[in-house]
Amino acid sequence: MMDAIRDAVREGRVVWQKHALQRMMERGISRQEVKRSILEGDMIEEYPDDKPFPSLLVAYVKEVPLHVVMSYDQTLSQIYVITVYRPDLRYFENDLKTRRKK
């Protein structure tokens, strides 16, 4: 699935949800950073029961780490960026990919 998602990003089939754009502005995160994170990051979690499309979490941990929550519409071959944030060591291990146990 990540190959199809990366193709969608390369081809400009990205829908930016209002929530994501608001959080990006608040956190000083650019669209280019998000795209790079999707293109070069690793899928670390999947949420298959999310609606209207299954979603996933991608982690980019080089330079300035970033997490991107997105969903993928296979019918239209486009992604929806849901939210974007800098991973926090209170919630993730030092690798910034593994959730800490509660």
PDB file of N, CA and C in Angstrom:
ATOM      1  N   MET A   1       0.813  -1.204   0.000  1.00  0.00           N
ATOM      2  CA  MET A   1       0.000   0.000   0.000  1.00  0.00           C
ATOM      3  C   MET A   1       0.855   1.266   0.000  1.00  0.00           C
ATOM      4  N   MET A   2       2.022   1.229   0.651  1.00  0.00           N
ATOM      5  CA  MET A   2       2.857   2.433   0.700  1.00  0.00           C
ATOM      6  C   MET A   2       3.311   2.857  -0.696  1.00  0.00           C
ATOM      7  N   ASP A   3       3.515   1.907  -1.596  1.00  0.00           N
ATOM      8  CA  ASP A   3       3.902   2.286  -2.967  1.00  0.00           C
ATOM      9  C   ASP A   3       2.794   3.107  -3.621  1.00  0.00           C
ATOM     10  N   ALA A   4       1.541   2.680  -3.449  1.00  0.00           N
ATOM     11  CA  ALA A   4       0.407   3.410  -4.025  1.00  0.00           C
ATOM     12  C   ALA A   4       0.266   4.784  -3.377  1.00  0.00           C
ATOM     13  N   ILE A   5       0.484   4.863  -2.077  1.00  0.00           N
ATOM     14  CA  ILE A   5       0.405   6.138  -1.356  1.00  0.00           C
ATOM     15  C   ILE A   5       1.492   7.089  -1.853  1.00  0.00           C
ATOM     16  N   ARG A   6       2.695   6.580  -2.001  1.00  0.00           N
ATOM     17  CA  ARG A   6       3.797   7.428  -2.486  1.00  0.00           C
ATOM     18  C   ARG A   6       3.545   7.895  -3.915  1.00  0.00           C
ATOM     19  N   ASP A   7       2.980   7.017  -4.739  1.00  0.00           N
ATOM     20  CA  ASP A   7       2.613   7.435  -6.100  1.00  0.00           C
ATOM     21  C   ASP A   7       1.599   8.567  -6.058  1.00  0.00           C
ATOM     22  N   ALA A   8       0.614   8.462  -5.165  1.00  0.00           N
ATOM     23  CA  ALA A   8      -0.399   9.510  -5.040  1.00  0.00           C
ATOM     24  C   ALA A   8       0.247  10.841  -4.661  1.00  0.00           C
ATOM     25  N   VAL A   9       1.208  10.811  -3.750  1.00  0.00           N
ATOM     26  CA  VAL A   9       1.897  12.038  -3.350  1.00  0.00           C
ATOM     27  C   VAL A   9       2.672  12.607  -4.533  1.00  0.00           C
ATOM     28  N   ARG A  10       3.441  11.773  -5.208  1.00  0.00           N
ATOM     29  CA  ARG A  10       4.241  12.233  -6.359  1.00  0.00           C
ATOM     30  C   ARG A  10       3.371  12.843  -7.453  1.00  0.00           C
ATOM     31  N   GLU A  11       2.157  12.304  -7.599  1.00  0.00           N
ATOM     32  CA  GLU A  11       1.266  12.755  -8.664  1.00  0.00           C
ATOM     33  C   GLU A  11       0.275  13.828  -8.205  1.00  0.00           C
ATOM     34  N   GLY A  12       0.428  14.290  -6.956  1.00  0.00           N
ATOM     35  CA  GLY A  12      -0.391  15.390  -6.466  1.00  0.00           C
ATOM     36  C   GLY A  12      -1.804  15.019  -6.058  1.00  0.00           C
ATOM     37  N   ARG A  13      -2.054  13.750  -5.795  1.00  0.00           N
ATOM     38  CA  ARG A  13      -3.390  13.314  -5.376  1.00  0.00           C
ATOM     39  C   ARG A  13      -3.464  13.283  -3.847  1.00  0.00           C
ATOM     40  N   VAL A  14      -3.338  14.481  -3.264  1.00  0.00           N
ATOM     41  CA  VAL A  14      -3.339  14.648  -1.808  1.00  0.00           C
ATOM     42  C   VAL A  14      -4.452  15.622  -1.444  1.00  0.00           C
ATOM     43  N   VAL A  15      -5.326  15.204  -0.546  1.00  0.00           N
ATOM     44  CA  VAL A  15      -6.373  16.069  -0.017  1.00  0.00           C
ATOM     45  C   VAL A  15      -5.961  16.445   1.407  1.00  0.00           C
ATOM     46  N   TRP A  16      -5.869  17.725   1.645  1.00  0.00           N
ATOM     47  CA  TRP A  16      -5.436  18.232   2.948  1.00  0.00           C
ATOM     48  C   TRP A  16      -6.678  18.544   3.780  1.00  0.00           C
ATOM     49  N   GLN A  17      -6.934  17.752   4.789  1.00  0.00           N
ATOM     50  CA  GLN A  17      -8.084  17.993   5.660  1.00  0.00           C
ATOM     51  C   GLN A  17      -7.861  19.292   6.448  1.00  0.00           C
ATOM     52  N   LYS A  18      -8.950  19.983   6.736  1.00  0.00           N
ATOM     53  CA  LYS A  18      -8.882  21.259   7.453  1.00  0.00           C
ATOM     54  C   LYS A  18      -8.129  21.111   8.767  1.00  0.00           C
ATOM     55  N   HIS A  19      -8.410  20.040   9.501  1.00  0.00           N
ATOM     56  CA  HIS A  19      -7.737  19.811  10.787  1.00  0.00           C
ATOM     57  C   HIS A  19      -6.218  19.734  10.593  1.00  0.00           C
ATOM     58  N   ALA A  20      -5.787  19.007   9.566  1.00  0.00           N
ATOM     59  CA  ALA A  20      -4.352  18.869   9.312  1.00  0.00           C
ATOM     60  C   ALA A  20      -3.725  20.225   9.011  1.00  0.00           C
ATOM     61  N   LEU A  21      -4.370  21.012   8.164  1.00  0.00           N
ATOM     62  CA  LEU A  21      -3.832  22.326   7.813  1.00  0.00           C
ATOM     63  C   LEU A  21      -3.747  23.244   9.036  1.00  0.00           C
ATOM     64  N   GLN A  22      -4.751  23.184   9.901  1.00  0.00           N
ATOM     65  CA  GLN A  22      -4.726  23.989  11.128  1.00  0.00           C
ATOM     66  C   GLN A  22      -3.550  23.579  12.012  1.00  0.00           C
ATOM     67  N   ARG A  23      -3.380  22.269  12.203  1.00  0.00           N
ATOM     68  CA  ARG A  23      -2.289  21.782  13.060  1.00  0.00           C
ATOM     69  C   ARG A  23      -0.927  22.106  12.440  1.00  0.00           C
ATOM     70  N   MET A  24      -0.832  21.990  11.134  1.00  0.00           N
ATOM     71  CA  MET A  24       0.429  22.315  10.463  1.00  0.00           C
ATOM     72  C   MET A  24       0.792  23.779  10.672  1.00  0.00           C
ATOM     73  N   MET A  25      -0.193  24.669  10.554  1.00  0.00           N
ATOM     74  CA  MET A  25       0.069  26.090  10.780  1.00  0.00           C
ATOM     75  C   MET A  25       0.503  26.333  12.220  1.00  0.00           C
ATOM     76  N   GLU A  26      -0.219  25.737  13.174  1.00  0.00           N
ATOM     77  CA  GLU A  26       0.112  25.905  14.595  1.00  0.00           C
ATOM     78  C   GLU A  26       1.513  25.399  14.913  1.00  0.00           C
ATOM     79  N   ARG A  27       1.927  24.332  14.241  1.00  0.00           N
ATOM     80  CA  ARG A  27       3.187  23.658  14.562  1.00  0.00           C
ATOM     81  C   ARG A  27       4.326  24.029  13.622  1.00  0.00           C
ATOM     82  N   GLY A  28       4.069  24.931  12.688  1.00  0.00           N
ATOM     83  CA  GLY A  28       5.118  25.368  11.768  1.00  0.00           C
ATOM     84  C   GLY A  28       5.606  24.261  10.847  1.00  0.00           C
ATOM     85  N   ILE A  29       4.692  23.458  10.360  1.00  0.00           N
ATOM     86  CA  ILE A  29       5.024  22.329   9.488  1.00  0.00           C
ATOM     87  C   ILE A  29       4.517  22.642   8.078  1.00  0.00           C
ATOM     88  N   SER A  30       5.392  22.496   7.096  1.00  0.00           N
ATOM     89  CA  SER A  30       5.016  22.806   5.714  1.00  0.00           C
ATOM     90  C   SER A  30       4.460  21.579   4.994  1.00  0.00           C
ATOM     91  N   ARG A  31       3.749  21.840   3.899  1.00  0.00           N
ATOM     92  CA  ARG A  31       3.253  20.746   3.067  1.00  0.00           C
ATOM     93  C   ARG A  31       4.430  19.942   2.512  1.00  0.00           C
ATOM     94  N   GLN A  32       5.497  20.614   2.182  1.00  0.00           N
ATOM     95  CA  GLN A  32       6.676  19.926   1.643  1.00  0.00           C
ATOM     96  C   GLN A  32       7.247  18.948   2.674  1.00  0.00           C
ATOM     97  N   GLU A  33       7.298  19.355   3.945  1.00  0.00           N
ATOM     98  CA  GLU A  33       7.767  18.448   5.010  1.00  0.00           C
ATOM     99  C   GLU A  33       6.879  17.210   5.107  1.00  0.00           C
ATOM    100  N   VAL A  34       5.580  17.424   5.017  1.00  0.00           N
ATOM    101  CA  VAL A  34       4.639  16.306   5.105  1.00  0.00           C
ATOM    102  C   VAL A  34       4.839  15.360   3.928  1.00  0.00           C
ATOM    103  N   LYS A  35       4.946  15.911   2.750  1.00  0.00           N
ATOM    104  CA  LYS A  35       5.147  15.074   1.564  1.00  0.00           C
ATOM    105  C   LYS A  35       6.445  14.279   1.671  1.00  0.00           C
ATOM    106  N   ARG A  36       7.515  14.933   2.085  1.00  0.00           N
ATOM    107  CA  ARG A  36       8.795  14.237   2.253  1.00  0.00           C
ATOM    108  C   ARG A  36       8.663  13.112   3.280  1.00  0.00           C
ATOM    109  N   SER A  37       7.944  13.381   4.347  1.00  0.00           N
ATOM    110  CA  SER A  37       7.763  12.370   5.392  1.00  0.00           C
ATOM    111  C   SER A  37       7.031  11.144   4.856  1.00  0.00           C
ATOM    112  N   ILE A  38       6.032  11.370   4.027  1.00  0.00           N
ATOM    113  CA  ILE A  38       5.290  10.252   3.437  1.00  0.00           C
ATOM    114  C   ILE A  38       6.173   9.495   2.453  1.00  0.00           C
ATOM    115  N   LEU A  39       6.929  10.228   1.648  1.00  0.00           N
ATOM    116  CA  LEU A  39       7.766   9.603   0.630  1.00  0.00           C
ATOM    117  C   LEU A  39       8.936   8.817   1.229  1.00  0.00           C
ATOM    118  N   GLU A  40       9.466   9.288   2.357  1.00  0.00           N
ATOM    119  CA  GLU A  40      10.675   8.682   2.916  1.00  0.00           C
ATOM    120  C   GLU A  40      10.457   7.986   4.254  1.00  0.00           C
ATOM    121  N   GLY A  41       9.266   8.133   4.841  1.00  0.00           N
ATOM    122  CA  GLY A  41       9.016   7.574   6.165  1.00  0.00           C
ATOM    123  C   GLY A  41       8.583   6.121   6.130  1.00  0.00           C
ATOM    124  N   ASP A  42       8.305   5.605   7.314  1.00  0.00           N
ATOM    125  CA  ASP A  42       7.879   4.216   7.492  1.00  0.00           C
ATOM    126  C   ASP A  42       6.478   4.168   8.078  1.00  0.00           C
ATOM    127  N   MET A  43       5.653   3.275   7.549  1.00  0.00           N
ATOM    128  CA  MET A  43       4.342   3.055   8.148  1.00  0.00           C
ATOM    129  C   MET A  43       4.573   2.308   9.463  1.00  0.00           C
ATOM    130  N   ILE A  44       4.063   2.874  10.567  1.00  0.00           N
ATOM    131  CA  ILE A  44       4.303   2.233  11.859  1.00  0.00           C
ATOM    132  C   ILE A  44       3.029   1.718  12.520  1.00  0.00           C
ATOM    133  N   GLU A  45       1.880   2.201  12.105  1.00  0.00           N
ATOM    134  CA  GLU A  45       0.611   1.717  12.644  1.00  0.00           C
ATOM    135  C   GLU A  45      -0.446   1.756  11.551  1.00  0.00           C
ATOM    136  N   GLU A  46      -1.388   0.806  11.632  1.00  0.00           N
ATOM    137  CA  GLU A  46      -2.520   0.775  10.720  1.00  0.00           C
ATOM    138  C   GLU A  46      -3.805   0.769  11.540  1.00  0.00           C
ATOM    139  N   TYR A  47      -4.815   1.444  11.032  1.00  0.00           N
ATOM    140  CA  TYR A  47      -6.120   1.505  11.676  1.00  0.00           C
ATOM    141  C   TYR A  47      -7.168   1.045  10.656  1.00  0.00           C
ATOM    142  N   PRO A  48      -7.283  -0.259  10.444  1.00  0.00           N
ATOM    143  CA  PRO A  48      -8.126  -0.788   9.363  1.00  0.00           C
ATOM    144  C   PRO A  48      -9.618  -0.526   9.537  1.00  0.00           C
ATOM    145  N   ASP A  49     -10.067  -0.255  10.762  1.00  0.00           N
ATOM    146  CA  ASP A  49     -11.494  -0.055  11.006  1.00  0.00           C
ATOM    147  C   ASP A  49     -11.937   1.399  10.899  1.00  0.00           C
ATOM    148  N   ASP A  50     -11.005   2.312  10.643  1.00  0.00           N
ATOM    149  CA  ASP A  50     -11.372   3.727  10.509  1.00  0.00           C
ATOM    150  C   ASP A  50     -12.279   3.918   9.301  1.00  0.00           C
ATOM    151  N   LYS A  51     -13.162   4.903   9.401  1.00  0.00           N
ATOM    152  CA  LYS A  51     -14.114   5.202   8.333  1.00  0.00           C
ATOM    153  C   LYS A  51     -13.942   6.655   7.902  1.00  0.00           C
ATOM    154  N   PRO A  52     -14.159   6.998   6.667  1.00  0.00           N
ATOM    155  CA  PRO A  52     -14.698   6.168   5.594  1.00  0.00           C
ATOM    156  C   PRO A  52     -13.648   5.274   4.943  1.00  0.00           C
ATOM    157  N   PHE A  53     -12.336   5.502   5.266  1.00  0.00           N
ATOM    158  CA  PHE A  53     -11.271   4.678   4.710  1.00  0.00           C
ATOM    159  C   PHE A  53     -10.342   4.255   5.837  1.00  0.00           C
ATOM    160  N   PRO A  54      -9.728   3.092   5.721  1.00  0.00           N
ATOM    161  CA  PRO A  54      -8.710   2.719   6.701  1.00  0.00           C
ATOM    162  C   PRO A  54      -7.620   3.787   6.725  1.00  0.00           C
ATOM    163  N   SER A  55      -7.014   4.000   7.879  1.00  0.00           N
ATOM    164  CA  SER A  55      -5.962   5.001   7.964  1.00  0.00           C
ATOM    165  C   SER A  55      -4.690   4.369   8.511  1.00  0.00           C
ATOM    166  N   LEU A  56      -3.635   5.170   8.498  1.00  0.00           N
ATOM    167  CA  LEU A  56      -2.342   4.678   8.954  1.00  0.00           C
ATOM    168  C   LEU A  56      -1.507   5.829   9.464  1.00  0.00           C
ATOM    169  N   LEU A  57      -0.459   5.467  10.207  1.00  0.00           N
ATOM    170  CA  LEU A  57       0.471   6.435  10.768  1.00  0.00           C
ATOM    171  C   LEU A  57       1.833   6.200  10.141  1.00  0.00           C
ATOM    172  N   VAL A  58       2.407   7.251   9.577  1.00  0.00           N
ATOM    173  CA  VAL A  58       3.735   7.194   8.978  1.00  0.00           C
ATOM    174  C   VAL A  58       4.673   8.024   9.850  1.00  0.00           C
ATOM    175  N   ALA A  59       5.855   7.460  10.110  1.00  0.00           N
ATOM    176  CA  ALA A  59       6.868   8.156  10.903  1.00  0.00           C
ATOM    177  C   ALA A  59       8.083   8.454  10.044  1.00  0.00           C
ATOM    178  N   TYR A  60       8.490   9.704  10.070  1.00  0.00           N
ATOM    179  CA  TYR A  60       9.733  10.145   9.438  1.00  0.00           C
ATOM    180  C   TYR A  60      10.626  10.563  10.586  1.00  0.00           C
ATOM    181  N   VAL A  61      11.767   9.907  10.754  1.00  0.00           N
ATOM    182  CA  VAL A  61      12.578  10.189  11.943  1.00  0.00           C
ATOM    183  C   VAL A  61      13.966  10.749  11.627  1.00  0.00           C
ATOM    184  N   LYS A  62      14.194  11.144  10.380  1.00  0.00           N
ATOM    185  CA  LYS A  62      15.454  11.795  10.024  1.00  0.00           C
ATOM    186  C   LYS A  62      15.312  13.292  10.289  1.00  0.00           C
ATOM    187  N   GLU A  63      16.442  13.984  10.340  1.00  0.00           N
ATOM    188  CA  GLU A  63      16.454  15.423  10.550  1.00  0.00           C
ATOM    189  C   GLU A  63      15.440  15.846  11.612  1.00  0.00           C
ATOM    190  N   VAL A  64      14.328  16.446  11.199  1.00  0.00           N
ATOM    191  CA  VAL A  64      13.284  16.865  12.132  1.00  0.00           C
ATOM    192  C   VAL A  64      12.153  15.837  12.044  1.00  0.00           C
ATOM    193  N   PRO A  65      11.985  15.008  13.087  1.00  0.00           N
ATOM    194  CA  PRO A  65      10.983  13.931  13.039  1.00  0.00           C
ATOM    195  C   PRO A  65       9.556  14.462  12.869  1.00  0.00           C
ATOM    196  N   LEU A  66       8.743  13.660  12.187  1.00  0.00           N
ATOM    197  CA  LEU A  66       7.361  14.028  11.918  1.00  0.00           C
ATOM    198  C   LEU A  66       6.512  12.769  11.810  1.00  0.00           C
ATOM    199  N   HIS A  67       5.310  12.831  12.335  1.00  0.00           N
ATOM    200  CA  HIS A  67       4.325  11.764  12.171  1.00  0.00           C
ATOM    201  C   HIS A  67       3.169  12.311  11.349  1.00  0.00           C
ATOM    202  N   VAL A  68       2.676  11.480  10.421  1.00  0.00           N
ATOM    203  CA  VAL A  68       1.564  11.862   9.567  1.00  0.00           C
ATOM    204  C   VAL A  68       0.495  10.777   9.668  1.00  0.00           C
ATOM    205  N   VAL A  69      -0.724  11.185  10.035  1.00  0.00           N
ATOM    206  CA  VAL A  69      -1.861  10.273  10.018  1.00  0.00           C
ATOM    207  C   VAL A  69      -2.626  10.565   8.738  1.00  0.00           C
ATOM    208  N   MET A  70      -2.885   9.508   7.970  1.00  0.00           N
ATOM    209  CA  MET A  70      -3.553   9.694   6.681  1.00  0.00           C
ATOM    210  C   MET A  70      -4.432   8.497   6.381  1.00  0.00           C
ATOM    211  N   SER A  71      -5.322   8.684   5.428  1.00  0.00           N
ATOM    212  CA  SER A  71      -6.109   7.564   4.910  1.00  0.00           C
ATOM    213  C   SER A  71      -5.901   7.516   3.407  1.00  0.00           C
ATOM    214  N   TYR A  72      -6.200   6.346   2.838  1.00  0.00           N
ATOM    215  CA  TYR A  72      -5.990   6.149   1.409  1.00  0.00           C
ATOM    216  C   TYR A  72      -7.268   5.618   0.782  1.00  0.00           C
ATOM    217  N   ASP A  73      -7.737   6.331  -0.222  1.00  0.00           N
ATOM    218  CA  ASP A  73      -8.920   5.926  -0.983  1.00  0.00           C
ATOM    219  C   ASP A  73      -8.442   5.177  -2.219  1.00  0.00           C
ATOM    220  N   GLN A  74      -8.594   3.852  -2.206  1.00  0.00           N
ATOM    221  CA  GLN A  74      -8.122   3.033  -3.321  1.00  0.00           C
ATOM    222  C   GLN A  74      -8.899   3.303  -4.605  1.00  0.00           C
ATOM    223  N   THR A  75     -10.176   3.629  -4.476  1.00  0.00           N
ATOM    224  CA  THR A  75     -11.000   3.870  -5.664  1.00  0.00           C
ATOM    225  C   THR A  75     -10.504   5.075  -6.451  1.00  0.00           C
ATOM    226  N   LEU A  76     -10.179   6.159  -5.757  1.00  0.00           N
ATOM    227  CA  LEU A  76      -9.700   7.376  -6.415  1.00  0.00           C
ATOM    228  C   LEU A  76      -8.176   7.483  -6.436  1.00  0.00           C
ATOM    229  N   SER A  77      -7.524   6.540  -5.772  1.00  0.00           N
ATOM    230  CA  SER A  77      -6.053   6.560  -5.668  1.00  0.00           C
ATOM    231  C   SER A  77      -5.553   7.900  -5.129  1.00  0.00           C
ATOM    232  N   GLN A  78      -6.159   8.338  -4.030  1.00  0.00           N
ATOM    233  CA  GLN A  78      -5.707   9.584  -3.417  1.00  0.00           C
ATOM    234  C   GLN A  78      -5.630   9.406  -1.905  1.00  0.00           C
ATOM    235  N   ILE A  79      -4.810  10.253  -1.296  1.00  0.00           N
ATOM    236  CA  ILE A  79      -4.681  10.193   0.152  1.00  0.00           C
ATOM    237  C   ILE A  79      -5.329  11.417   0.780  1.00  0.00           C
ATOM    238  N   TYR A  80      -5.724  11.241   2.032  1.00  0.00           N
ATOM    239  CA  TYR A  80      -6.274  12.320   2.847  1.00  0.00           C
ATOM    240  C   TYR A  80      -5.343  12.489   4.038  1.00  0.00           C
ATOM    241  N   VAL A  81      -4.725  13.649   4.151  1.00  0.00           N
ATOM    242  CA  VAL A  81      -3.876  13.928   5.305  1.00  0.00           C
ATOM    243  C   VAL A  81      -4.796  14.390   6.425  1.00  0.00           C
ATOM    244  N   ILE A  82      -4.824  13.626   7.513  1.00  0.00           N
ATOM    245  CA  ILE A  82      -5.761  13.858   8.607  1.00  0.00           C
ATOM    246  C   ILE A  82      -5.158  14.757   9.675  1.00  0.00           C
ATOM    247  N   THR A  83      -3.939  14.433  10.100  1.00  0.00           N
ATOM    248  CA  THR A  83      -3.246  15.282  11.060  1.00  0.00           C
ATOM    249  C   THR A  83      -1.757  15.022  10.968  1.00  0.00           C
ATOM    250  N   VAL A  84      -0.989  15.966  11.498  1.00  0.00           N
ATOM    251  CA  VAL A  84       0.464  15.929  11.431  1.00  0.00           C
ATOM    252  C   VAL A  84       0.989  16.452  12.760  1.00  0.00           C
ATOM    253  N   TYR A  85       2.023  15.783  13.303  1.00  0.00           N
ATOM    254  CA  TYR A  85       2.583  16.254  14.571  1.00  0.00           C
ATOM    255  C   TYR A  85       4.022  15.782  14.726  1.00  0.00           C
ATOM    256  N   ARG A  86       4.728  16.463  15.607  1.00  0.00           N
ATOM    257  CA  ARG A  86       6.077  16.046  15.987  1.00  0.00           C
ATOM    258  C   ARG A  86       5.923  14.983  17.081  1.00  0.00           C
ATOM    259  N   PRO A  87       6.554  13.824  16.924  1.00  0.00           N
ATOM    260  CA  PRO A  87       6.422  12.794  17.955  1.00  0.00           C
ATOM    261  C   PRO A  87       7.031  13.254  19.278  1.00  0.00           C
ATOM    262  N   ASP A  88       6.417  12.835  20.356  1.00  0.00           N
ATOM    263  CA  ASP A  88       6.787  13.255  21.703  1.00  0.00           C
ATOM    264  C   ASP A  88       7.328  12.035  22.456  1.00  0.00           C
ATOM    265  N   LEU A  89       8.484  12.192  23.095  1.00  0.00           N
ATOM    266  CA  LEU A  89       9.095  11.077  23.831  1.00  0.00           C
ATOM    267  C   LEU A  89       8.267  10.631  25.039  1.00  0.00           C
ATOM    268  N   ARG A  90       7.284  11.422  25.433  1.00  0.00           N
ATOM    269  CA  ARG A  90       6.390  10.962  26.504  1.00  0.00           C
ATOM    270  C   ARG A  90       5.516   9.816  26.007  1.00  0.00           C
ATOM    271  N   TYR A  91       5.278   9.768  24.692  1.00  0.00           N
ATOM    272  CA  TYR A  91       4.371   8.771  24.124  1.00  0.00           C
ATOM    273  C   TYR A  91       5.068   7.739  23.243  1.00  0.00           C
ATOM    274  N   PHE A  92       6.274   8.052  22.783  1.00  0.00           N
ATOM    275  CA  PHE A  92       7.012   7.150  21.901  1.00  0.00           C
ATOM    276  C   PHE A  92       8.388   6.865  22.483  1.00  0.00           C
ATOM    277  N   GLU A  93       8.885   5.669  22.195  1.00  0.00           N
ATOM    278  CA  GLU A  93      10.238   5.287  22.615  1.00  0.00           C
ATOM    279  C   GLU A  93      11.252   6.149  21.864  1.00  0.00           C
ATOM    280  N   ASN A  94      12.529   5.978  22.187  1.00  0.00           N
ATOM    281  CA  ASN A  94      13.582   6.789  21.575  1.00  0.00           C
ATOM    282  C   ASN A  94      13.653   6.651  20.060  1.00  0.00           C
ATOM    283  N   ASP A  95      13.155   5.529  19.517  1.00  0.00           N
ATOM    284  CA  ASP A  95      13.164   5.371  18.061  1.00  0.00           C
ATOM    285  C   ASP A  95      12.093   6.220  17.384  1.00  0.00           C
ATOM    286  N   LEU A  96      11.204   6.813  18.187  1.00  0.00           N
ATOM    287  CA  LEU A  96      10.096   7.660  17.737  1.00  0.00           C
ATOM    288  C   LEU A  96       9.087   6.916  16.864  1.00  0.00           C
ATOM    289  N   LYS A  97       9.142   5.586  16.909  1.00  0.00           N
ATOM    290  CA  LYS A  97       8.228   4.758  16.138  1.00  0.00           C
ATOM    291  C   LYS A  97       7.422   3.809  17.007  1.00  0.00           C
ATOM    292  N   THR A  98       7.935   3.497  18.176  1.00  0.00           N
ATOM    293  CA  THR A  98       7.289   2.528  19.064  1.00  0.00           C
ATOM    294  C   THR A  98       6.572   3.259  20.181  1.00  0.00           C
ATOM    295  N   ARG A  99       5.268   2.997  20.307  1.00  0.00           N
ATOM    296  CA  ARG A  99       4.506   3.637  21.387  1.00  0.00           C
ATOM    297  C   ARG A  99       4.967   3.102  22.741  1.00  0.00           C
ATOM    298  N   ARG A 100       5.058   3.983  23.705  1.00  0.00           N
ATOM    299  CA  ARG A 100       5.384   3.558  25.072  1.00  0.00           C
ATOM    300  C   ARG A 100       4.192   2.811  25.656  1.00  0.00           C
ATOM    301  N   LYS A 101       4.491   1.865  26.491  1.00  0.00           N
ATOM    302  CA  LYS A 101       3.434   1.132  27.199  1.00  0.00           C
ATOM    303  C   LYS A 101       2.839   2.046  28.243  1.00  0.00           C
ATOM    304  N   LYS A 102       1.530   1.980  28.415  1.00  0.00           N
ATOM    305  CA  LYS A 102       0.860   2.845  29.407  1.00  0.00           C
ATOM    306  C   LYS A 102       0.992   2.291  30.802  1.00  0.00           C
TER     307      LYS A 102
END
